[in-house]
Amino acid sequence: MAPVKLLVIVPHPDDEVFGSGGTLLDFLSHDEPCALLTLTLGDAGRNLGLCETREELAALRRQELADCLDTLGFLRHPASAHEQYTFPDGDVAGHLSDITPLIHDAFETYQPEIVLTFPPDGLNGHPDHVTTHQVVKAVWDALPPERRPRLWYYALQAEWLGTLLPGYLPPNRVHDVSAFVTQKLRAMGCHRSQGITLANTLRRFPERVTHEPFHEVLPDPRSG
């Protein structure tokens, strides 16, 4: 298949939109295909009383993600793709031997210009976020330098946070996505079972709705 502009690799449904929904909309609006790997169904998350079992929540979150991607127009681009996996929510670290080759294959299949995932601190310390970072970074590191895509991490401004976690990386690029804010908010709202997370995101980081911050891993000048 044709190379994609952006490959997003995240553990949970909703991870794809809160921090990069506007960037996805921007790329897709310029006819630049994107790909998404979602490693779990998010069935250990909150459910706001909408479900009684983890199985019901898994089904609901699968549908919420489908609705979100439809709102983004994600799969209407013929070269874009979504891969949904069912590794245990909360135990991504227990399945590295299965996840690592999947991510390696995604690099090979999609030949992305940019890969986006979580930073070393997981942004909030969530173990699935941290593990996803570690796997993606290990696969990226193993590639010859000339074959590595650009590597971006989700990032937050230090002044938005209280205590900085070990491994914190500041933003070094910010995308103005204000032109897509209405569609982004609609897409975020598709994850209705995660309404508390959505509310907290809007309360703590309102600037992130219109300006998406990232940390791009830059070449080490000592290596050249």
C-alpha atoms as a PDB file:
ATOM      1  CA  MET A   1       0.000   0.000   0.000  1.00  0.00           C
ATOM      2  CA  ALA A   2       0.998   3.633  -0.383  1.00  0.00           C
ATOM      3  CA  PRO A   3       3.060   5.165   2.444  1.00  0.00           C
ATOM      4  CA  VAL A   4       1.036   7.046   5.049  1.00  0.00           C
ATOM      5  CA  LYS A   5       1.711  10.492   6.416  1.00  0.00           C
ATOM      6  CA  LEU A   6       1.109   9.567  10.062  1.00  0.00           C
ATOM      7  CA  LEU A   7       0.999   6.248  11.937  1.00  0.00           C
ATOM      8  CA  VAL A   8      -0.537   6.583  15.424  1.00  0.00           C
ATOM      9  CA  ILE A   9       0.183   3.749  17.870  1.00  0.00           C
ATOM     10  CA  VAL A  10      -1.775   3.865  21.142  1.00  0.00           C
ATOM     11  CA  PRO A  11      -3.121   1.394  23.695  1.00  0.00           C
ATOM     12  CA  HIS A  12      -6.701   2.600  24.168  1.00  0.00           C
ATOM     13  CA  PRO A  13      -9.700   3.916  22.239  1.00  0.00           C
ATOM     14  CA  ASP A  14      -9.813   7.727  22.717  1.00  0.00           C
ATOM     15  CA  ASP A  15      -5.993   8.023  22.825  1.00  0.00           C
ATOM     16  CA  GLU A  16      -6.096   8.823  19.119  1.00  0.00           C
ATOM     17  CA  VAL A  17      -8.328  11.887  19.277  1.00  0.00           C
ATOM     18  CA  PHE A  18      -7.817  13.914  22.461  1.00  0.00           C
ATOM     19  CA  GLY A  19      -4.240  14.871  21.580  1.00  0.00           C
ATOM     20  CA  SER A  20      -4.089  14.465  17.816  1.00  0.00           C
ATOM     21  CA  GLY A  21      -7.620  14.576  16.399  1.00  0.00           C
ATOM     22  CA  GLY A  22      -7.015  17.963  14.829  1.00  0.00           C
ATOM     23  CA  THR A  23      -3.707  16.870  13.334  1.00  0.00           C
ATOM     24  CA  LEU A  24      -5.388  13.819  11.804  1.00  0.00           C
ATOM     25  CA  LEU A  25      -8.122  16.038  10.377  1.00  0.00           C
ATOM     26  CA  ASP A  26      -5.519  18.412   8.970  1.00  0.00           C
ATOM     27  CA  PHE A  27      -3.524  15.675   7.250  1.00  0.00           C
ATOM     28  CA  LEU A  28      -6.622  13.946   5.885  1.00  0.00           C
ATOM     29  CA  SER A  29      -7.952  17.256   4.562  1.00  0.00           C
ATOM     30  CA  HIS A  30      -4.764  17.513   2.491  1.00  0.00           C
ATOM     31  CA  ASP A  31      -5.297  14.016   1.078  1.00  0.00           C
ATOM     32  CA  GLU A  32      -2.527  12.575   3.240  1.00  0.00           C
ATOM     33  CA  PRO A  33      -3.470   9.074   4.446  1.00  0.00           C
ATOM     34  CA  CYS A  34      -3.012   8.035   8.066  1.00  0.00           C
ATOM     35  CA  ALA A  35      -2.989   4.746   9.968  1.00  0.00           C
ATOM     36  CA  LEU A  36      -3.929   3.847  13.531  1.00  0.00           C
ATOM     37  CA  LEU A  37      -3.047   0.876  15.741  1.00  0.00           C
ATOM     38  CA  THR A  38      -5.204   0.487  18.868  1.00  0.00           C
ATOM     39  CA  LEU A  39      -3.742  -2.228  21.083  1.00  0.00           C
ATOM     40  CA  THR A  40      -6.647  -2.849  23.506  1.00  0.00           C
ATOM     41  CA  LEU A  41     -10.405  -2.461  23.621  1.00  0.00           C
ATOM     42  CA  GLY A  42     -10.203  -0.223  26.684  1.00  0.00           C
ATOM     43  CA  ASP A  43     -12.433  -2.544  28.688  1.00  0.00           C
ATOM     44  CA  ALA A  44     -10.770  -1.698  32.026  1.00  0.00           C
ATOM     45  CA  GLY A  45     -11.783   1.946  31.732  1.00  0.00           C
ATOM     46  CA  ARG A  46     -14.672   3.876  33.223  1.00  0.00           C
ATOM     47  CA  ASN A  47     -18.147   3.154  31.895  1.00  0.00           C
ATOM     48  CA  LEU A  48     -20.354   5.812  33.586  1.00  0.00           C
ATOM     49  CA  GLY A  49     -22.906   3.092  34.328  1.00  0.00           C
ATOM     50  CA  LEU A  50     -23.463   2.404  30.623  1.00  0.00           C
ATOM     51  CA  CYS A  51     -22.326  -1.229  30.948  1.00  0.00           C
ATOM     52  CA  GLU A  52     -22.439  -3.995  33.521  1.00  0.00           C
ATOM     53  CA  THR A  53     -19.547  -6.161  32.329  1.00  0.00           C
ATOM     54  CA  ARG A  54     -16.136  -5.722  30.756  1.00  0.00           C
ATOM     55  CA  GLU A  55     -17.414  -7.540  27.691  1.00  0.00           C
ATOM     56  CA  GLU A  56     -20.190  -4.981  27.274  1.00  0.00           C
ATOM     57  CA  LEU A  57     -17.729  -2.128  27.753  1.00  0.00           C
ATOM     58  CA  ALA A  58     -15.374  -3.634  25.160  1.00  0.00           C
ATOM     59  CA  ALA A  59     -18.200  -3.762  22.632  1.00  0.00           C
ATOM     60  CA  LEU A  60     -19.277  -0.208  23.469  1.00  0.00           C
ATOM     61  CA  ARG A  61     -15.766   1.191  23.188  1.00  0.00           C
ATOM     62  CA  ARG A  62     -15.208  -0.587  19.897  1.00  0.00           C
ATOM     63  CA  GLN A  63     -18.325   1.137  18.556  1.00  0.00           C
ATOM     64  CA  GLU A  64     -17.335   4.490  20.063  1.00  0.00           C
ATOM     65  CA  LEU A  65     -13.981   4.296  18.308  1.00  0.00           C
ATOM     66  CA  ALA A  66     -15.658   3.391  15.029  1.00  0.00           C
ATOM     67  CA  ASP A  67     -17.954   6.402  15.429  1.00  0.00           C
ATOM     68  CA  CYS A  68     -14.994   8.631  16.243  1.00  0.00           C
ATOM     69  CA  LEU A  69     -13.050   7.520  13.177  1.00  0.00           C
ATOM     70  CA  ASP A  70     -16.146   7.995  11.031  1.00  0.00           C
ATOM     71  CA  THR A  71     -16.533  11.531  12.384  1.00  0.00           C
ATOM     72  CA  LEU A  72     -12.890  12.218  11.548  1.00  0.00           C
ATOM     73  CA  GLY A  73     -13.468  10.839   8.054  1.00  0.00           C
ATOM     74  CA  PHE A  74     -10.550   8.561   8.761  1.00  0.00           C
ATOM     75  CA  LEU A  75     -11.448   5.478   6.775  1.00  0.00           C
ATOM     76  CA  ARG A  76     -13.030   7.387   3.907  1.00  0.00           C
ATOM     77  CA  HIS A  77      -9.519   7.946   2.662  1.00  0.00           C
ATOM     78  CA  PRO A  78      -8.774   4.790   0.647  1.00  0.00           C
ATOM     79  CA  ALA A  79      -5.145   4.578   1.773  1.00  0.00           C
ATOM     80  CA  SER A  80      -5.878   5.048   5.499  1.00  0.00           C
ATOM     81  CA  ALA A  81      -6.199   2.041   7.818  1.00  0.00           C
ATOM     82  CA  HIS A  82      -7.111   1.071  11.377  1.00  0.00           C
ATOM     83  CA  GLU A  83      -5.914  -2.072  13.134  1.00  0.00           C
ATOM     84  CA  GLN A  84      -7.783  -3.012  16.328  1.00  0.00           C
ATOM     85  CA  TYR A  85      -6.181  -5.500  18.719  1.00  0.00           C
ATOM     86  CA  THR A  86      -7.527  -7.099  21.880  1.00  0.00           C
ATOM     87  CA  PHE A  87      -4.551  -7.244  24.234  1.00  0.00           C
ATOM     88  CA  PRO A  88      -5.630  -6.941  27.888  1.00  0.00           C
ATOM     89  CA  ASP A  89      -6.326  -3.383  28.943  1.00  0.00           C
ATOM     90  CA  GLY A  90      -3.948  -2.636  31.796  1.00  0.00           C
ATOM     91  CA  ASP A  91      -1.506  -5.417  30.911  1.00  0.00           C
ATOM     92  CA  VAL A  92       0.075  -4.397  27.626  1.00  0.00           C
ATOM     93  CA  ALA A  93       3.433  -5.053  29.308  1.00  0.00           C
ATOM     94  CA  GLY A  94       2.565  -8.721  29.666  1.00  0.00           C
ATOM     95  CA  HIS A  95       2.352  -9.222  25.900  1.00  0.00           C
ATOM     96  CA  LEU A  96       5.512  -7.648  24.524  1.00  0.00           C
ATOM     97  CA  SER A  97       6.494 -10.753  22.570  1.00  0.00           C
ATOM     98  CA  ASP A  98       3.265 -10.478  20.565  1.00  0.00           C
ATOM     99  CA  ILE A  99       3.024  -6.696  20.311  1.00  0.00           C
ATOM    100  CA  THR A 100       6.587  -5.982  19.216  1.00  0.00           C
ATOM    101  CA  PRO A 101       6.372  -7.846  15.884  1.00  0.00           C
ATOM    102  CA  LEU A 102       2.972  -6.261  15.169  1.00  0.00           C
ATOM    103  CA  ILE A 103       4.457  -2.807  15.539  1.00  0.00           C
ATOM    104  CA  HIS A 104       7.489  -3.757  13.471  1.00  0.00           C
ATOM    105  CA  ASP A 105       5.167  -5.036  10.739  1.00  0.00           C
ATOM    106  CA  ALA A 106       3.161  -1.788  10.872  1.00  0.00           C
ATOM    107  CA  PHE A 107       6.338   0.209  10.252  1.00  0.00           C
ATOM    108  CA  GLU A 108       7.077  -1.999   7.252  1.00  0.00           C
ATOM    109  CA  THR A 109       3.511  -2.063   5.907  1.00  0.00           C
ATOM    110  CA  TYR A 110       2.639   1.615   6.205  1.00  0.00           C
ATOM    111  CA  GLN A 111       6.096   3.150   5.662  1.00  0.00           C
ATOM    112  CA  PRO A 112       4.986   6.217   7.620  1.00  0.00           C
ATOM    113  CA  GLU A 113       6.586   9.608   7.316  1.00  0.00           C
ATOM    114  CA  ILE A 114       5.778  10.184  11.007  1.00  0.00           C
ATOM    115  CA  VAL A 115       5.038   7.829  13.914  1.00  0.00           C
ATOM    116  CA  LEU A 116       3.142   9.219  16.907  1.00  0.00           C
ATOM    117  CA  THR A 117       2.885   7.562  20.309  1.00  0.00           C
ATOM    118  CA  PHE A 118       3.198   8.337  24.017  1.00  0.00           C
ATOM    119  CA  PRO A 119       6.349   9.821  25.589  1.00  0.00           C
ATOM    120  CA  PRO A 120       8.550   7.992  28.122  1.00  0.00           C
ATOM    121  CA  ASP A 121       6.390   9.086  31.080  1.00  0.00           C
ATOM    122  CA  GLY A 122       3.220   7.994  29.295  1.00  0.00           C
ATOM    123  CA  LEU A 123       1.981  11.595  29.621  1.00  0.00           C
ATOM    124  CA  ASN A 124       0.248  10.610  32.870  1.00  0.00           C
ATOM    125  CA  GLY A 125       2.179   7.561  34.072  1.00  0.00           C
ATOM    126  CA  HIS A 126      -0.378   5.020  32.829  1.00  0.00           C
ATOM    127  CA  PRO A 127       1.498   1.714  32.510  1.00  0.00           C
ATOM    128  CA  ASP A 128      -0.046   0.894  29.114  1.00  0.00           C
ATOM    129  CA  HIS A 129       1.023   4.300  27.812  1.00  0.00           C
ATOM    130  CA  VAL A 130       4.565   3.817  29.126  1.00  0.00           C
ATOM    131  CA  THR A 131       4.843   0.302  27.695  1.00  0.00           C
ATOM    132  CA  THR A 132       3.522   1.401  24.305  1.00  0.00           C
ATOM    133  CA  HIS A 133       6.196   4.084  24.229  1.00  0.00           C
ATOM    134  CA  GLN A 134       8.898   1.571  25.109  1.00  0.00           C
ATOM    135  CA  VAL A 135       7.910  -0.862  22.368  1.00  0.00           C
ATOM    136  CA  VAL A 136       7.543   1.778  19.665  1.00  0.00           C
ATOM    137  CA  LYS A 137      10.863   3.375  20.616  1.00  0.00           C
ATOM    138  CA  ALA A 138      12.634  -0.007  20.611  1.00  0.00           C
ATOM    139  CA  VAL A 139      11.301  -0.830  17.132  1.00  0.00           C
ATOM    140  CA  TRP A 140      12.284   2.637  15.903  1.00  0.00           C
ATOM    141  CA  ASP A 141      15.765   2.381  17.430  1.00  0.00           C
ATOM    142  CA  ALA A 142      16.327  -0.988  15.732  1.00  0.00           C
ATOM    143  CA  LEU A 143      15.853   0.500  12.267  1.00  0.00           C
ATOM    144  CA  PRO A 144      18.834   1.842  10.329  1.00  0.00           C
ATOM    145  CA  PRO A 145      18.889   5.635  10.817  1.00  0.00           C
ATOM    146  CA  GLU A 146      18.159   6.275   7.141  1.00  0.00           C
ATOM    147  CA  ARG A 147      14.961   4.202   7.360  1.00  0.00           C
ATOM    148  CA  ARG A 148      13.544   5.706  10.525  1.00  0.00           C
ATOM    149  CA  PRO A 149      10.383   7.779  10.239  1.00  0.00           C
ATOM    150  CA  ARG A 150      10.113  10.986  12.188  1.00  0.00           C
ATOM    151  CA  LEU A 151       9.094  10.152  15.758  1.00  0.00           C
ATOM    152  CA  TRP A 152       6.608  12.316  17.642  1.00  0.00           C
ATOM    153  CA  TYR A 153       5.296  11.985  21.172  1.00  0.00           C
ATOM    154  CA  TYR A 154       2.208  13.465  22.749  1.00  0.00           C
ATOM    155  CA  ALA A 155       3.345  16.330  24.969  1.00  0.00           C
ATOM    156  CA  LEU A 156       1.981  18.810  27.480  1.00  0.00           C
ATOM    157  CA  GLN A 157       3.348  22.175  28.516  1.00  0.00           C
ATOM    158  CA  ALA A 158       5.108  21.992  31.891  1.00  0.00           C
ATOM    159  CA  GLU A 159       2.995  24.853  33.244  1.00  0.00           C
ATOM    160  CA  TRP A 160      -0.150  22.802  32.605  1.00  0.00           C
ATOM    161  CA  LEU A 161       1.068  20.071  34.937  1.00  0.00           C
ATOM    162  CA  GLY A 162       1.689  19.833  38.647  1.00  0.00           C
ATOM    163  CA  THR A 163       4.552  17.445  39.328  1.00  0.00           C
ATOM    164  CA  LEU A 164       6.596  16.451  36.301  1.00  0.00           C
ATOM    165  CA  LEU A 165       7.035  12.689  36.012  1.00  0.00           C
ATOM    166  CA  PRO A 166      10.438  11.110  35.314  1.00  0.00           C
ATOM    167  CA  GLY A 167      10.978  11.078  31.565  1.00  0.00           C
ATOM    168  CA  TYR A 168       8.937  14.240  30.946  1.00  0.00           C
ATOM    169  CA  LEU A 169       9.630  15.784  27.535  1.00  0.00           C
ATOM    170  CA  PRO A 170       8.409  19.291  26.680  1.00  0.00           C
ATOM    171  CA  PRO A 171       6.678  20.167  23.416  1.00  0.00           C
ATOM    172  CA  ASN A 172       8.959  21.358  20.655  1.00  0.00           C
ATOM    173  CA  ARG A 173       6.248  21.717  18.022  1.00  0.00           C
ATOM    174  CA  VAL A 174       2.631  22.886  18.302  1.00  0.00           C
ATOM    175  CA  HIS A 175      -0.009  22.433  15.619  1.00  0.00           C
ATOM    176  CA  ASP A 176      -2.704  25.066  15.264  1.00  0.00           C
ATOM    177  CA  VAL A 177      -5.801  22.959  14.535  1.00  0.00           C
ATOM    178  CA  SER A 178      -8.366  25.645  15.289  1.00  0.00           C
ATOM    179  CA  ALA A 179      -9.776  25.282  11.770  1.00  0.00           C
ATOM    180  CA  PHE A 180     -10.920  21.775  12.727  1.00  0.00           C
ATOM    181  CA  VAL A 181     -12.095  22.393  16.283  1.00  0.00           C
ATOM    182  CA  THR A 182     -15.807  21.671  15.708  1.00  0.00           C
ATOM    183  CA  GLN A 183     -15.176  18.354  14.004  1.00  0.00           C
ATOM    184  CA  LYS A 184     -12.526  17.425  16.570  1.00  0.00           C
ATOM    185  CA  LEU A 185     -14.909  18.080  19.467  1.00  0.00           C
ATOM    186  CA  ARG A 186     -17.584  15.965  17.778  1.00  0.00           C
ATOM    187  CA  ALA A 187     -15.081  13.149  17.395  1.00  0.00           C
ATOM    188  CA  MET A 188     -13.977  13.444  21.023  1.00  0.00           C
ATOM    189  CA  GLY A 189     -17.608  13.317  22.107  1.00  0.00           C
ATOM    190  CA  CYS A 190     -18.069   9.945  20.408  1.00  0.00           C
ATOM    191  CA  HIS A 191     -16.182   8.405  23.345  1.00  0.00           C
ATOM    192  CA  ARG A 192     -19.171   8.957  25.623  1.00  0.00           C
ATOM    193  CA  SER A 193     -18.234   6.215  28.096  1.00  0.00           C
ATOM    194  CA  GLN A 194     -15.107   8.267  28.809  1.00  0.00           C
ATOM    195  CA  GLY A 195     -17.018  11.426  29.577  1.00  0.00           C
ATOM    196  CA  ILE A 196     -15.093  12.033  32.810  1.00  0.00           C
ATOM    197  CA  THR A 197     -11.778  11.846  30.962  1.00  0.00           C
ATOM    198  CA  LEU A 198     -13.143  14.206  28.328  1.00  0.00           C
ATOM    199  CA  ALA A 199     -14.364  16.655  30.958  1.00  0.00           C
ATOM    200  CA  ASN A 200     -11.039  16.561  32.799  1.00  0.00           C
ATOM    201  CA  THR A 201      -9.154  17.115  29.547  1.00  0.00           C
ATOM    202  CA  LEU A 202     -11.247  20.147  28.673  1.00  0.00           C
ATOM    203  CA  ARG A 203     -10.941  21.517  32.215  1.00  0.00           C
ATOM    204  CA  ARG A 204      -7.176  21.022  32.619  1.00  0.00           C
ATOM    205  CA  PHE A 205      -5.912  21.496  29.075  1.00  0.00           C
ATOM    206  CA  PRO A 206      -8.412  23.634  27.122  1.00  0.00           C
ATOM    207  CA  GLU A 207      -5.619  25.027  24.926  1.00  0.00           C
ATOM    208  CA  ARG A 208      -4.985  21.511  23.621  1.00  0.00           C
ATOM    209  CA  VAL A 209      -8.316  21.546  21.797  1.00  0.00           C
ATOM    210  CA  THR A 210      -7.118  24.143  19.297  1.00  0.00           C
ATOM    211  CA  HIS A 211      -3.327  23.781  19.558  1.00  0.00           C
ATOM    212  CA  GLU A 212      -1.932  20.256  19.736  1.00  0.00           C
ATOM    213  CA  PRO A 213       1.553  20.035  21.291  1.00  0.00           C
ATOM    214  CA  PHE A 214       4.045  17.300  20.416  1.00  0.00           C
ATOM    215  CA  HIS A 215       7.628  16.431  21.169  1.00  0.00           C
ATOM    216  CA  GLU A 216       9.568  15.444  18.056  1.00  0.00           C
ATOM    217  CA  VAL A 217      12.630  13.286  18.657  1.00  0.00           C
ATOM    218  CA  LEU A 218      15.454  15.169  16.971  1.00  0.00           C
ATOM    219  CA  PRO A 219      18.722  13.679  15.713  1.00  0.00           C
ATOM    220  CA  ASP A 220      21.479  13.557  18.296  1.00  0.00           C
ATOM    221  CA  PRO A 221      24.125  16.003  17.023  1.00  0.00           C
ATOM    222  CA  ARG A 222      26.798  13.851  18.677  1.00  0.00           C
ATOM    223  CA  SER A 223      25.946  10.960  16.323  1.00  0.00           C
ATOM    224  CA  GLY A 224      26.886  12.863  13.196  1.00  0.00           C
END
